[in-house]
Amino acid sequence: MSAARRPSSTGLRQLLDLQQQHDWMQGKTVLRDADERSESLELRFKYVARFEKLLHRPQAPEVLEILRRYGRDCIPIPRRTERHYWSVSCLPSTPGKALVRVNASWMELFSLYADGEGVRALFVVHLSDFTTDHSLDHGQMDEALLERCVVTPEDVGYFFPRGEDIFAVKVRGLSSIGKFLAAPRALRAIRAFNLTHMNRGRNAYQASHCYSLADHILSDEER
């Protein structure tokens, strides 16, 4: 009798095994990315006008700075996975008037919005990473943890989107967004959620990928 065929890997597991993913999520390894990017010139030109429009917004310098940090710290092997496993949209037409949005599979991972002349961020993560007992109980929200991840308590808020283990964190201002991205617990939570959805298969938002924004996401990776 022949051995049972093992199920084929899907999503990011085709590029990184689970141990590599876990070590990256925990900050225990630096993953080797590709030297070059694959690119669609047609898609690059499609969103140039939107990108130019974004550059005229007062929030543009902060948006690009945050995207560089997000790409460097929150997306595994971003060159190898660009567009096919994650994408970034510029001034997307979906409700909410986001300035930029990062997606994977069918999920919106991260968005930036105008907040006066500054910015506010929306991070989507697993609820269980922000409860005191790692449960899905809304009543166990660790608000003290959230407040430690930002500059002042007034800079953070949250809500519960539809979904069993989904939690949305709103962070206001460049300084608090930067602190949230640097906080070990928050960064692990962001990485864990991104891995979950990059492992679910190919990105459904490939057609809205803005290469001009992705240039900035990958700028710290340039060799």
N, C-alpha and C. Protein backbone atom coordinates (compact mmCIF):
# COMPACT_ATOMS: atom_id res chain seq x y z
N MET A 1 0.86 -1.19 0.00
CA MET A 1 0.00 0.00 0.00
C MET A 1 0.89 1.24 0.00
N SER A 2 0.62 2.17 -0.89
CA SER A 2 1.46 3.37 -0.97
C SER A 2 1.17 4.30 0.19
N ALA A 3 2.20 5.07 0.53
CA ALA A 3 2.04 6.03 1.63
C ALA A 3 1.05 7.10 1.22
N ALA A 4 0.30 7.59 2.20
CA ALA A 4 -0.67 8.65 1.93
C ALA A 4 0.06 9.90 1.43
N ARG A 5 -0.51 10.54 0.45
CA ARG A 5 0.10 11.75 -0.09
C ARG A 5 -0.10 12.92 0.88
N ARG A 6 0.98 13.62 1.16
CA ARG A 6 0.88 14.76 2.06
C ARG A 6 0.21 15.93 1.34
N PRO A 7 -0.63 16.67 2.04
CA PRO A 7 -1.28 17.81 1.38
C PRO A 7 -0.24 18.83 0.95
N SER A 8 -0.46 19.42 -0.21
CA SER A 8 0.49 20.42 -0.69
C SER A 8 0.39 21.69 0.15
N SER A 9 1.52 22.38 0.25
CA SER A 9 1.54 23.61 1.03
C SER A 9 0.78 24.70 0.29
N THR A 10 0.19 25.58 1.05
CA THR A 10 -0.52 26.71 0.45
C THR A 10 0.05 28.00 1.02
N GLY A 11 -0.18 29.08 0.29
CA GLY A 11 0.22 30.38 0.78
C GLY A 11 1.71 30.48 1.04
N LEU A 12 2.05 31.22 2.06
CA LEU A 12 3.43 31.50 2.39
C LEU A 12 4.23 30.24 2.73
N ARG A 13 3.54 29.18 3.10
CA ARG A 13 4.24 27.92 3.43
C ARG A 13 4.99 27.35 2.25
N GLN A 14 4.68 27.81 1.05
CA GLN A 14 5.43 27.38 -0.12
C GLN A 14 6.83 28.00 -0.16
N LEU A 15 7.02 29.08 0.60
CA LEU A 15 8.30 29.79 0.60
C LEU A 15 9.04 29.67 1.93
N LEU A 16 8.30 29.59 3.02
CA LEU A 16 8.89 29.52 4.36
C LEU A 16 8.20 28.43 5.15
N ASP A 17 8.98 27.53 5.76
CA ASP A 17 8.33 26.50 6.58
C ASP A 17 7.86 27.12 7.89
N LEU A 18 7.08 26.37 8.65
CA LEU A 18 6.44 26.92 9.85
C LEU A 18 7.47 27.33 10.90
N GLN A 19 8.58 26.63 10.98
CA GLN A 19 9.61 27.01 11.96
C GLN A 19 10.25 28.34 11.58
N GLN A 20 10.52 28.54 10.31
CA GLN A 20 11.06 29.83 9.86
C GLN A 20 10.08 30.95 10.15
N GLN A 21 8.81 30.70 9.90
CA GLN A 21 7.80 31.72 10.17
C GLN A 21 7.73 32.04 11.65
N HIS A 22 7.74 31.00 12.48
CA HIS A 22 7.66 31.20 13.93
C HIS A 22 8.87 31.99 14.43
N ASP A 23 10.05 31.63 13.95
CA ASP A 23 11.25 32.33 14.40
C ASP A 23 11.24 33.79 13.98
N TRP A 24 10.74 34.06 12.77
CA TRP A 24 10.64 35.45 12.33
C TRP A 24 9.62 36.20 13.17
N MET A 25 8.49 35.59 13.44
CA MET A 25 7.45 36.24 14.25
C MET A 25 7.99 36.61 15.62
N GLN A 26 8.83 35.76 16.19
CA GLN A 26 9.40 35.99 17.51
C GLN A 26 10.63 36.89 17.48
N GLY A 27 11.06 37.30 16.30
CA GLY A 27 12.24 38.14 16.19
C GLY A 27 13.54 37.40 16.40
N LYS A 28 13.53 36.09 16.16
CA LYS A 28 14.73 35.26 16.40
C LYS A 28 15.57 35.07 15.15
N THR A 29 15.09 35.51 14.00
CA THR A 29 15.84 35.32 12.77
C THR A 29 15.56 36.45 11.81
N VAL A 30 16.52 36.68 10.92
CA VAL A 30 16.35 37.61 9.81
C VAL A 30 16.28 36.76 8.55
N LEU A 31 15.17 36.86 7.84
CA LEU A 31 14.95 36.01 6.67
C LEU A 31 15.66 36.58 5.45
N ARG A 32 16.20 35.69 4.65
CA ARG A 32 16.87 36.10 3.41
C ARG A 32 15.83 36.34 2.33
N ASP A 33 15.79 37.57 1.84
CA ASP A 33 14.82 37.92 0.82
C ASP A 33 15.47 37.85 -0.57
N ALA A 34 14.67 38.01 -1.60
CA ALA A 34 15.18 38.04 -2.97
C ALA A 34 15.95 39.32 -3.22
N ASP A 35 16.89 39.27 -4.16
CA ASP A 35 17.65 40.46 -4.53
C ASP A 35 16.87 41.35 -5.49
N GLU A 36 16.01 40.75 -6.30
CA GLU A 36 15.26 41.49 -7.31
C GLU A 36 13.76 41.34 -7.07
N ARG A 37 13.00 42.28 -7.66
CA ARG A 37 11.55 42.24 -7.59
C ARG A 37 11.00 41.89 -8.97
N SER A 38 9.90 41.15 -8.99
CA SER A 38 9.16 40.99 -10.24
C SER A 38 8.16 42.14 -10.31
N GLU A 39 7.89 42.61 -11.51
CA GLU A 39 7.07 43.82 -11.62
C GLU A 39 6.21 43.80 -12.87
N SER A 40 5.02 44.37 -12.74
CA SER A 40 4.13 44.59 -13.88
C SER A 40 4.17 46.08 -14.22
N LEU A 41 4.75 46.42 -15.35
CA LEU A 41 4.82 47.82 -15.74
C LEU A 41 3.43 48.41 -15.97
N GLU A 42 2.55 47.60 -16.51
CA GLU A 42 1.17 48.06 -16.74
C GLU A 42 0.52 48.48 -15.43
N LEU A 43 0.71 47.66 -14.39
CA LEU A 43 0.12 47.97 -13.09
C LEU A 43 0.82 49.15 -12.45
N ARG A 44 2.13 49.26 -12.63
CA ARG A 44 2.84 50.42 -12.08
C ARG A 44 2.26 51.72 -12.64
N PHE A 45 2.08 51.80 -13.93
CA PHE A 45 1.58 53.03 -14.55
C PHE A 45 0.12 53.29 -14.20
N LYS A 46 -0.62 52.25 -13.91
CA LYS A 46 -2.06 52.39 -13.64
C LYS A 46 -2.32 53.29 -12.44
N TYR A 47 -1.44 53.23 -11.40
CA TYR A 47 -1.72 53.97 -10.16
C TYR A 47 -0.76 55.13 -9.92
N VAL A 48 -0.01 55.53 -10.94
CA VAL A 48 0.91 56.67 -10.79
C VAL A 48 0.14 57.94 -10.43
N ALA A 49 -0.99 58.18 -11.08
CA ALA A 49 -1.75 59.40 -10.82
C ALA A 49 -2.25 59.46 -9.38
N ARG A 50 -2.70 58.33 -8.86
CA ARG A 50 -3.14 58.30 -7.45
C ARG A 50 -1.97 58.58 -6.52
N PHE A 51 -0.83 57.99 -6.82
CA PHE A 51 0.34 58.21 -5.99
C PHE A 51 0.74 59.68 -6.00
N GLU A 52 0.72 60.31 -7.17
CA GLU A 52 1.05 61.74 -7.26
C GLU A 52 0.06 62.57 -6.45
N LYS A 53 -1.21 62.18 -6.48
CA LYS A 53 -2.23 62.87 -5.69
C LYS A 53 -1.94 62.74 -4.20
N LEU A 54 -1.53 61.53 -3.77
CA LEU A 54 -1.18 61.32 -2.36
C LEU A 54 -0.01 62.20 -1.96
N LEU A 55 0.99 62.34 -2.83
CA LEU A 55 2.17 63.14 -2.51
C LEU A 55 1.84 64.60 -2.25
N HIS A 56 0.70 65.06 -2.75
CA HIS A 56 0.30 66.45 -2.53
C HIS A 56 -0.47 66.62 -1.21
N ARG A 57 -0.74 65.52 -0.53
CA ARG A 57 -1.42 65.60 0.76
C ARG A 57 -0.41 65.98 1.85
N PRO A 58 -0.83 66.76 2.85
CA PRO A 58 0.12 67.12 3.92
C PRO A 58 0.61 65.91 4.72
N GLN A 59 -0.13 64.83 4.69
CA GLN A 59 0.24 63.64 5.45
C GLN A 59 1.28 62.76 4.74
N ALA A 60 1.61 63.08 3.48
CA ALA A 60 2.44 62.19 2.67
C ALA A 60 3.77 61.81 3.32
N PRO A 61 4.55 62.75 3.87
CA PRO A 61 5.84 62.34 4.46
C PRO A 61 5.67 61.33 5.60
N GLU A 62 4.65 61.52 6.44
CA GLU A 62 4.42 60.58 7.53
C GLU A 62 3.95 59.23 7.00
N VAL A 63 3.09 59.25 6.00
CA VAL A 63 2.61 58.00 5.41
C VAL A 63 3.78 57.17 4.89
N LEU A 64 4.67 57.80 4.14
CA LEU A 64 5.79 57.07 3.55
C LEU A 64 6.76 56.57 4.62
N GLU A 65 6.98 57.37 5.65
CA GLU A 65 7.85 56.93 6.73
C GLU A 65 7.29 55.71 7.45
N ILE A 66 5.99 55.73 7.73
CA ILE A 66 5.36 54.61 8.42
C ILE A 66 5.37 53.37 7.54
N LEU A 67 5.09 53.53 6.25
CA LEU A 67 5.10 52.39 5.35
C LEU A 67 6.48 51.74 5.28
N ARG A 68 7.54 52.54 5.30
CA ARG A 68 8.89 51.97 5.29
C ARG A 68 9.11 51.09 6.52
N ARG A 69 8.66 51.57 7.66
CA ARG A 69 8.81 50.78 8.89
C ARG A 69 7.95 49.53 8.84
N TYR A 70 6.74 49.67 8.35
CA TYR A 70 5.84 48.52 8.30
C TYR A 70 6.40 47.45 7.36
N GLY A 71 6.90 47.86 6.21
CA GLY A 71 7.46 46.89 5.28
C GLY A 71 8.69 46.20 5.84
N ARG A 72 9.53 46.95 6.51
CA ARG A 72 10.77 46.39 7.08
C ARG A 72 10.48 45.41 8.20
N ASP A 73 9.50 45.73 9.06
CA ASP A 73 9.32 44.98 10.31
C ASP A 73 8.14 44.02 10.32
N CYS A 74 7.17 44.20 9.43
CA CYS A 74 5.90 43.48 9.58
C CYS A 74 5.57 42.52 8.45
N ILE A 75 6.32 42.56 7.37
CA ILE A 75 6.05 41.68 6.23
C ILE A 75 7.24 40.76 6.01
N PRO A 76 7.06 39.45 6.06
CA PRO A 76 8.19 38.54 5.83
C PRO A 76 8.58 38.52 4.35
N ILE A 77 9.88 38.41 4.09
CA ILE A 77 10.44 38.40 2.73
C ILE A 77 9.59 39.23 1.76
N PRO A 78 9.52 40.54 1.98
CA PRO A 78 8.57 41.36 1.22
C PRO A 78 8.82 41.40 -0.28
N ARG A 79 10.07 41.25 -0.72
CA ARG A 79 10.33 41.24 -2.16
C ARG A 79 9.76 39.98 -2.81
N ARG A 80 10.02 38.84 -2.21
CA ARG A 80 9.56 37.58 -2.79
C ARG A 80 8.04 37.45 -2.75
N THR A 81 7.42 38.14 -1.82
CA THR A 81 5.97 37.98 -1.63
C THR A 81 5.17 39.15 -2.19
N GLU A 82 5.84 40.16 -2.72
CA GLU A 82 5.15 41.35 -3.21
C GLU A 82 4.06 41.02 -4.22
N ARG A 83 2.94 41.64 -4.05
CA ARG A 83 1.75 41.54 -4.89
C ARG A 83 1.06 40.19 -4.80
N HIS A 84 1.80 39.10 -4.89
CA HIS A 84 1.17 37.78 -4.87
C HIS A 84 0.68 37.36 -3.48
N TYR A 85 1.37 37.83 -2.42
CA TYR A 85 0.98 37.47 -1.06
C TYR A 85 0.61 38.69 -0.21
N TRP A 86 1.01 39.86 -0.63
CA TRP A 86 0.58 41.11 0.02
C TRP A 86 0.55 42.19 -1.06
N SER A 87 -0.20 43.23 -0.82
CA SER A 87 -0.22 44.36 -1.73
C SER A 87 -0.55 45.62 -0.95
N VAL A 88 -0.29 46.76 -1.55
CA VAL A 88 -0.61 48.04 -0.93
C VAL A 88 -1.41 48.86 -1.94
N SER A 89 -2.51 49.43 -1.48
CA SER A 89 -3.38 50.25 -2.32
C SER A 89 -3.20 51.71 -1.97
N CYS A 90 -3.26 52.57 -2.96
CA CYS A 90 -3.12 54.01 -2.77
C CYS A 90 -4.47 54.67 -2.97
N LEU A 91 -4.92 55.43 -1.97
CA LEU A 91 -6.23 56.09 -2.00
C LEU A 91 -7.31 55.12 -2.49
N PRO A 92 -7.46 53.98 -1.80
CA PRO A 92 -8.42 52.97 -2.27
C PRO A 92 -9.84 53.51 -2.25
N SER A 93 -10.66 52.96 -3.15
CA SER A 93 -12.03 53.44 -3.30
C SER A 93 -12.98 52.79 -2.30
N THR A 94 -12.50 51.84 -1.50
CA THR A 94 -13.35 51.21 -0.50
C THR A 94 -13.74 52.21 0.57
N PRO A 95 -14.86 51.97 1.29
CA PRO A 95 -15.34 52.93 2.28
C PRO A 95 -14.28 53.24 3.35
N GLY A 96 -14.31 54.47 3.86
CA GLY A 96 -13.42 54.86 4.93
C GLY A 96 -12.40 55.91 4.56
N LYS A 97 -12.21 56.13 3.26
CA LYS A 97 -11.28 57.16 2.78
C LYS A 97 -9.87 56.97 3.31
N ALA A 98 -9.37 55.75 3.25
CA ALA A 98 -7.99 55.49 3.65
C ALA A 98 -7.04 56.16 2.67
N LEU A 99 -5.88 56.56 3.19
CA LEU A 99 -4.82 57.06 2.32
C LEU A 99 -4.09 55.89 1.67
N VAL A 100 -3.78 54.88 2.48
CA VAL A 100 -3.15 53.66 1.96
C VAL A 100 -3.70 52.48 2.74
N ARG A 101 -3.61 51.31 2.12
CA ARG A 101 -4.07 50.10 2.80
C ARG A 101 -3.21 48.92 2.35
N VAL A 102 -2.78 48.10 3.33
CA VAL A 102 -2.01 46.89 3.04
C VAL A 102 -2.94 45.69 3.20
N ASN A 103 -2.92 44.79 2.23
CA ASN A 103 -3.82 43.65 2.20
C ASN A 103 -3.05 42.34 2.03
N ALA A 104 -3.68 41.25 2.44
CA ALA A 104 -3.19 39.90 2.15
C ALA A 104 -4.40 38.98 2.06
N SER A 105 -4.34 38.01 1.14
CA SER A 105 -5.47 37.11 0.93
C SER A 105 -6.72 37.96 0.72
N TRP A 106 -7.77 37.75 1.52
CA TRP A 106 -8.98 38.57 1.42
C TRP A 106 -9.08 39.58 2.55
N MET A 107 -7.99 39.80 3.28
CA MET A 107 -8.04 40.58 4.51
C MET A 107 -7.29 41.91 4.36
N GLU A 108 -7.87 42.96 4.94
CA GLU A 108 -7.17 44.23 5.08
C GLU A 108 -6.34 44.15 6.37
N LEU A 109 -5.04 44.33 6.26
CA LEU A 109 -4.14 44.17 7.40
C LEU A 109 -3.87 45.48 8.13
N PHE A 110 -3.71 46.54 7.39
CA PHE A 110 -3.20 47.79 7.96
C PHE A 110 -3.63 48.94 7.07
N SER A 111 -4.11 50.02 7.68
CA SER A 111 -4.53 51.19 6.92
C SER A 111 -4.05 52.46 7.60
N LEU A 112 -3.84 53.50 6.80
CA LEU A 112 -3.53 54.83 7.31
C LEU A 112 -4.57 55.81 6.80
N TYR A 113 -5.00 56.71 7.70
CA TYR A 113 -6.01 57.70 7.38
C TYR A 113 -5.50 59.10 7.75
N ALA A 114 -6.08 60.10 7.13
CA ALA A 114 -5.78 61.47 7.52
C ALA A 114 -6.40 61.75 8.89
N ASP A 115 -5.65 62.47 9.71
CA ASP A 115 -6.15 62.92 11.02
C ASP A 115 -5.71 64.37 11.15
N GLY A 116 -6.53 65.30 10.66
CA GLY A 116 -6.07 66.66 10.50
C GLY A 116 -4.96 66.65 9.46
N GLU A 117 -3.82 67.25 9.78
CA GLU A 117 -2.67 67.18 8.88
C GLU A 117 -1.74 66.03 9.25
N GLY A 118 -2.11 65.26 10.28
CA GLY A 118 -1.35 64.08 10.67
C GLY A 118 -2.03 62.82 10.21
N VAL A 119 -1.69 61.72 10.85
CA VAL A 119 -2.23 60.42 10.43
C VAL A 119 -2.72 59.62 11.63
N ARG A 120 -3.61 58.69 11.34
CA ARG A 120 -3.99 57.66 12.30
C ARG A 120 -3.95 56.33 11.59
N ALA A 121 -3.66 55.30 12.34
CA ALA A 121 -3.47 53.96 11.77
C ALA A 121 -4.54 53.01 12.29
N LEU A 122 -4.82 52.02 11.49
CA LEU A 122 -5.70 50.92 11.90
C LEU A 122 -4.94 49.62 11.68
N PHE A 123 -4.64 48.94 12.79
CA PHE A 123 -3.97 47.64 12.75
C PHE A 123 -5.00 46.56 13.00
N VAL A 124 -5.05 45.54 12.16
CA VAL A 124 -5.93 44.41 12.40
C VAL A 124 -5.07 43.24 12.88
N VAL A 125 -5.45 42.67 14.02
CA VAL A 125 -4.66 41.63 14.68
C VAL A 125 -5.60 40.57 15.24
N HIS A 126 -5.01 39.55 15.85
CA HIS A 126 -5.81 38.53 16.53
C HIS A 126 -6.23 39.06 17.90
N LEU A 127 -7.50 38.93 18.21
CA LEU A 127 -8.00 39.33 19.52
C LEU A 127 -7.25 38.62 20.64
N SER A 128 -6.96 37.34 20.46
CA SER A 128 -6.32 36.55 21.52
C SER A 128 -4.93 37.06 21.89
N ASP A 129 -4.32 37.89 21.04
CA ASP A 129 -3.01 38.46 21.38
C ASP A 129 -3.13 39.69 22.27
N PHE A 130 -4.36 40.15 22.50
CA PHE A 130 -4.55 41.34 23.32
C PHE A 130 -5.55 41.14 24.46
N THR A 131 -5.82 39.90 24.81
CA THR A 131 -6.61 39.62 26.01
C THR A 131 -5.68 39.12 27.11
N THR A 132 -6.06 39.33 28.34
CA THR A 132 -5.19 38.97 29.46
C THR A 132 -4.95 37.48 29.56
N ASP A 133 -5.91 36.66 29.10
CA ASP A 133 -5.78 35.21 29.19
C ASP A 133 -5.67 34.55 27.81
N HIS A 134 -5.41 35.36 26.79
CA HIS A 134 -5.28 34.87 25.40
C HIS A 134 -6.54 34.15 24.92
N SER A 135 -7.68 34.55 25.47
CA SER A 135 -8.96 33.98 25.05
C SER A 135 -9.60 34.89 24.01
N LEU A 136 -10.81 34.54 23.59
CA LEU A 136 -11.57 35.37 22.67
C LEU A 136 -12.66 36.17 23.38
N ASP A 137 -12.52 36.30 24.68
CA ASP A 137 -13.50 36.99 25.52
C ASP A 137 -13.25 38.49 25.45
N HIS A 138 -14.21 39.24 24.91
CA HIS A 138 -14.06 40.69 24.82
C HIS A 138 -13.84 41.32 26.19
N GLY A 139 -14.39 40.71 27.22
CA GLY A 139 -14.26 41.26 28.57
C GLY A 139 -12.87 41.14 29.15
N GLN A 140 -12.00 40.36 28.50
CA GLN A 140 -10.64 40.18 28.98
C GLN A 140 -9.63 41.06 28.23
N MET A 141 -10.11 42.09 27.54
CA MET A 141 -9.23 42.99 26.83
C MET A 141 -8.17 43.57 27.76
N ASP A 142 -6.92 43.52 27.35
CA ASP A 142 -5.81 44.05 28.15
C ASP A 142 -5.57 45.50 27.76
N GLU A 143 -6.39 46.39 28.28
CA GLU A 143 -6.28 47.80 27.92
C GLU A 143 -4.96 48.39 28.40
N ALA A 144 -4.46 47.91 29.53
CA ALA A 144 -3.17 48.41 30.03
C ALA A 144 -2.05 48.11 29.05
N LEU A 145 -2.10 46.93 28.43
CA LEU A 145 -1.10 46.58 27.42
C LEU A 145 -1.17 47.54 26.25
N LEU A 146 -2.37 47.79 25.75
CA LEU A 146 -2.53 48.71 24.64
C LEU A 146 -1.96 50.09 24.97
N GLU A 147 -2.25 50.57 26.17
CA GLU A 147 -1.80 51.90 26.55
C GLU A 147 -0.29 51.98 26.69
N ARG A 148 0.36 50.87 27.07
CA ARG A 148 1.82 50.85 27.16
C ARG A 148 2.48 50.89 25.78
N CYS A 149 1.72 50.56 24.76
CA CYS A 149 2.28 50.50 23.40
C CYS A 149 2.21 51.82 22.66
N VAL A 150 1.68 52.87 23.29
CA VAL A 150 1.57 54.18 22.65
C VAL A 150 2.11 55.25 23.58
N VAL A 151 2.20 56.46 23.08
CA VAL A 151 2.79 57.55 23.86
C VAL A 151 1.87 57.99 24.98
N THR A 152 0.59 58.21 24.68
CA THR A 152 -0.39 58.58 25.70
C THR A 152 -1.64 57.73 25.49
N PRO A 153 -2.37 57.40 26.58
CA PRO A 153 -3.57 56.56 26.44
C PRO A 153 -4.59 57.10 25.45
N GLU A 154 -4.63 58.42 25.29
CA GLU A 154 -5.61 59.02 24.37
C GLU A 154 -5.32 58.68 22.90
N ASP A 155 -4.13 58.18 22.64
CA ASP A 155 -3.75 57.88 21.26
C ASP A 155 -4.22 56.52 20.77
N VAL A 156 -4.81 55.71 21.64
CA VAL A 156 -5.19 54.36 21.22
C VAL A 156 -6.67 54.10 21.48
N GLY A 157 -7.28 53.38 20.58
CA GLY A 157 -8.66 52.92 20.73
C GLY A 157 -8.78 51.58 20.05
N TYR A 158 -9.96 50.98 20.13
CA TYR A 158 -10.12 49.67 19.50
C TYR A 158 -11.59 49.38 19.26
N PHE A 159 -11.83 48.38 18.41
CA PHE A 159 -13.18 47.87 18.22
C PHE A 159 -13.07 46.42 17.77
N PHE A 160 -14.22 45.75 17.73
CA PHE A 160 -14.25 44.33 17.42
C PHE A 160 -14.96 44.12 16.07
N PRO A 161 -14.21 43.93 15.01
CA PRO A 161 -14.85 43.64 13.72
C PRO A 161 -15.52 42.27 13.75
N ARG A 162 -16.25 41.98 12.71
CA ARG A 162 -16.84 40.64 12.60
C ARG A 162 -15.73 39.62 12.41
N GLY A 163 -15.87 38.49 13.07
CA GLY A 163 -14.86 37.44 12.98
C GLY A 163 -14.50 36.96 14.36
N GLU A 164 -14.19 35.68 14.47
CA GLU A 164 -14.01 35.07 15.78
C GLU A 164 -12.78 35.57 16.52
N ASP A 165 -11.67 35.73 15.80
CA ASP A 165 -10.41 36.10 16.47
C ASP A 165 -9.80 37.31 15.77
N ILE A 166 -10.62 38.35 15.61
CA ILE A 166 -10.17 39.56 14.92
C ILE A 166 -10.40 40.77 15.83
N PHE A 167 -9.41 41.63 15.84
CA PHE A 167 -9.41 42.78 16.73
C PHE A 167 -8.78 43.95 15.97
N ALA A 168 -9.35 45.12 16.06
CA ALA A 168 -8.84 46.29 15.34
C ALA A 168 -8.36 47.34 16.33
N VAL A 169 -7.12 47.77 16.16
CA VAL A 169 -6.52 48.76 17.05
C VAL A 169 -6.31 50.06 16.27
N LYS A 170 -6.83 51.15 16.82
CA LYS A 170 -6.68 52.46 16.20
C LYS A 170 -5.61 53.24 16.96
N VAL A 171 -4.61 53.74 16.25
CA VAL A 171 -3.51 54.47 16.88
C VAL A 171 -3.36 55.81 16.18
N ARG A 172 -3.29 56.86 16.98
CA ARG A 172 -3.27 58.21 16.44
C ARG A 172 -1.90 58.86 16.59
N GLY A 173 -1.40 59.45 15.51
CA GLY A 173 -0.17 60.23 15.56
C GLY A 173 1.08 59.44 15.23
N LEU A 174 2.02 60.10 14.56
CA LEU A 174 3.24 59.45 14.11
C LEU A 174 4.03 58.84 15.27
N SER A 175 4.15 59.56 16.38
CA SER A 175 4.96 59.06 17.49
C SER A 175 4.36 57.80 18.09
N SER A 176 3.05 57.79 18.29
CA SER A 176 2.41 56.61 18.88
C SER A 176 2.38 55.44 17.89
N ILE A 177 2.20 55.72 16.62
CA ILE A 177 2.25 54.64 15.63
C ILE A 177 3.63 54.01 15.62
N GLY A 178 4.66 54.85 15.67
CA GLY A 178 6.02 54.34 15.71
C GLY A 178 6.29 53.52 16.96
N LYS A 179 5.77 53.98 18.11
CA LYS A 179 5.97 53.22 19.34
C LYS A 179 5.23 51.90 19.30
N PHE A 180 4.03 51.89 18.71
CA PHE A 180 3.26 50.65 18.60
C PHE A 180 4.00 49.64 17.73
N LEU A 181 4.58 50.10 16.64
CA LEU A 181 5.32 49.20 15.76
C LEU A 181 6.59 48.67 16.42
N ALA A 182 7.12 49.40 17.39
CA ALA A 182 8.35 48.98 18.06
C ALA A 182 8.09 48.16 19.32
N ALA A 183 6.87 48.19 19.85
CA ALA A 183 6.57 47.46 21.09
C ALA A 183 6.60 45.95 20.80
N PRO A 184 7.39 45.18 21.53
CA PRO A 184 7.54 43.75 21.21
C PRO A 184 6.23 42.98 21.12
N ARG A 185 5.31 43.18 22.09
CA ARG A 185 4.05 42.43 22.07
C ARG A 185 3.20 42.83 20.86
N ALA A 186 3.16 44.12 20.57
CA ALA A 186 2.36 44.58 19.44
C ALA A 186 2.96 44.09 18.13
N LEU A 187 4.28 44.17 18.00
CA LEU A 187 4.92 43.73 16.77
C LEU A 187 4.71 42.24 16.53
N ARG A 188 4.82 41.42 17.58
CA ARG A 188 4.56 39.99 17.42
C ARG A 188 3.13 39.74 16.98
N ALA A 189 2.20 40.51 17.54
CA ALA A 189 0.79 40.34 17.18
C ALA A 189 0.55 40.71 15.71
N ILE A 190 1.16 41.81 15.26
CA ILE A 190 1.03 42.21 13.86
C ILE A 190 1.60 41.13 12.95
N ARG A 191 2.78 40.65 13.29
CA ARG A 191 3.42 39.61 12.47
C ARG A 191 2.58 38.33 12.46
N ALA A 192 2.05 37.95 13.60
CA ALA A 192 1.25 36.72 13.67
C ALA A 192 0.02 36.82 12.78
N PHE A 193 -0.67 37.94 12.82
CA PHE A 193 -1.87 38.11 12.01
C PHE A 193 -1.52 38.12 10.52
N ASN A 194 -0.44 38.82 10.18
CA ASN A 194 -0.03 38.87 8.78
C ASN A 194 0.34 37.49 8.26
N LEU A 195 1.03 36.70 9.07
CA LEU A 195 1.37 35.34 8.67
C LEU A 195 0.11 34.50 8.46
N THR A 196 -0.85 34.64 9.36
CA THR A 196 -2.10 33.89 9.23
C THR A 196 -2.72 34.09 7.86
N HIS A 197 -2.79 35.34 7.42
CA HIS A 197 -3.50 35.62 6.18
C HIS A 197 -2.62 35.44 4.94
N MET A 198 -1.33 35.61 5.07
CA MET A 198 -0.46 35.30 3.94
C MET A 198 -0.40 33.79 3.69
N ASN A 199 -0.71 33.00 4.71
CA ASN A 199 -0.74 31.55 4.56
C ASN A 199 -2.07 31.05 3.98
N ARG A 200 -3.04 31.92 3.82
CA ARG A 200 -4.35 31.47 3.33
C ARG A 200 -4.42 31.38 1.81
N GLY A 201 -3.37 31.78 1.15
CA GLY A 201 -3.37 31.67 -0.30
C GLY A 201 -2.98 32.97 -0.96
N ARG A 202 -3.13 33.00 -2.27
CA ARG A 202 -2.73 34.17 -3.03
C ARG A 202 -3.59 35.38 -2.68
N ASN A 203 -2.98 36.54 -2.79
CA ASN A 203 -3.61 37.80 -2.46
C ASN A 203 -4.71 38.15 -3.46
N ALA A 204 -5.89 38.44 -2.95
CA ALA A 204 -7.03 38.77 -3.81
C ALA A 204 -7.00 40.22 -4.30
N TYR A 205 -6.08 41.03 -3.78
CA TYR A 205 -6.04 42.45 -4.12
C TYR A 205 -4.88 42.79 -5.06
N GLN A 206 -4.39 41.81 -5.78
CA GLN A 206 -3.22 42.04 -6.64
C GLN A 206 -3.45 43.15 -7.66
N ALA A 207 -4.67 43.26 -8.17
CA ALA A 207 -4.94 44.22 -9.23
C ALA A 207 -4.91 45.67 -8.74
N SER A 208 -4.93 45.89 -7.42
CA SER A 208 -4.89 47.26 -6.89
C SER A 208 -3.52 47.60 -6.29
N HIS A 209 -2.52 46.77 -6.55
CA HIS A 209 -1.19 47.01 -5.99
C HIS A 209 -0.55 48.25 -6.62
N CYS A 210 -0.09 49.15 -5.76
CA CYS A 210 0.55 50.38 -6.21
C CYS A 210 2.07 50.23 -6.06
N TYR A 211 2.75 50.05 -7.16
CA TYR A 211 4.19 49.84 -7.10
C TYR A 211 4.93 51.07 -6.59
N SER A 212 4.40 52.25 -6.85
CA SER A 212 5.06 53.47 -6.36
C SER A 212 5.09 53.51 -4.84
N LEU A 213 3.99 53.07 -4.20
CA LEU A 213 4.00 52.96 -2.74
C LEU A 213 4.89 51.81 -2.29
N ALA A 214 4.84 50.71 -3.01
CA ALA A 214 5.66 49.56 -2.64
C ALA A 214 7.14 49.90 -2.71
N ASP A 215 7.54 50.82 -3.59
CA ASP A 215 8.93 51.26 -3.62
C ASP A 215 9.37 51.75 -2.26
N HIS A 216 8.48 52.45 -1.57
CA HIS A 216 8.81 52.99 -0.25
C HIS A 216 8.75 51.91 0.81
N ILE A 217 7.80 50.99 0.69
CA ILE A 217 7.74 49.87 1.64
C ILE A 217 9.03 49.08 1.60
N LEU A 218 9.60 48.93 0.42
CA LEU A 218 10.80 48.12 0.23
C LEU A 218 12.09 48.92 0.25
N SER A 219 12.00 50.22 0.51
CA SER A 219 13.19 51.06 0.39
C SER A 219 14.29 50.69 1.36
N ASP A 220 13.93 50.26 2.57
CA ASP A 220 14.95 49.86 3.54
C ASP A 220 15.56 48.52 3.20
N GLU A 221 14.97 47.84 2.21
CA GLU A 221 15.48 46.55 1.79
C GLU A 221 16.42 46.67 0.58
N GLU A 222 16.49 47.89 0.03
CA GLU A 222 17.31 48.06 -1.17
C GLU A 222 18.77 47.74 -0.88
N ARG A 223 19.44 47.11 -1.85
CA ARG A 223 20.85 46.74 -1.71
C ARG A 223 21.69 47.61 -2.63
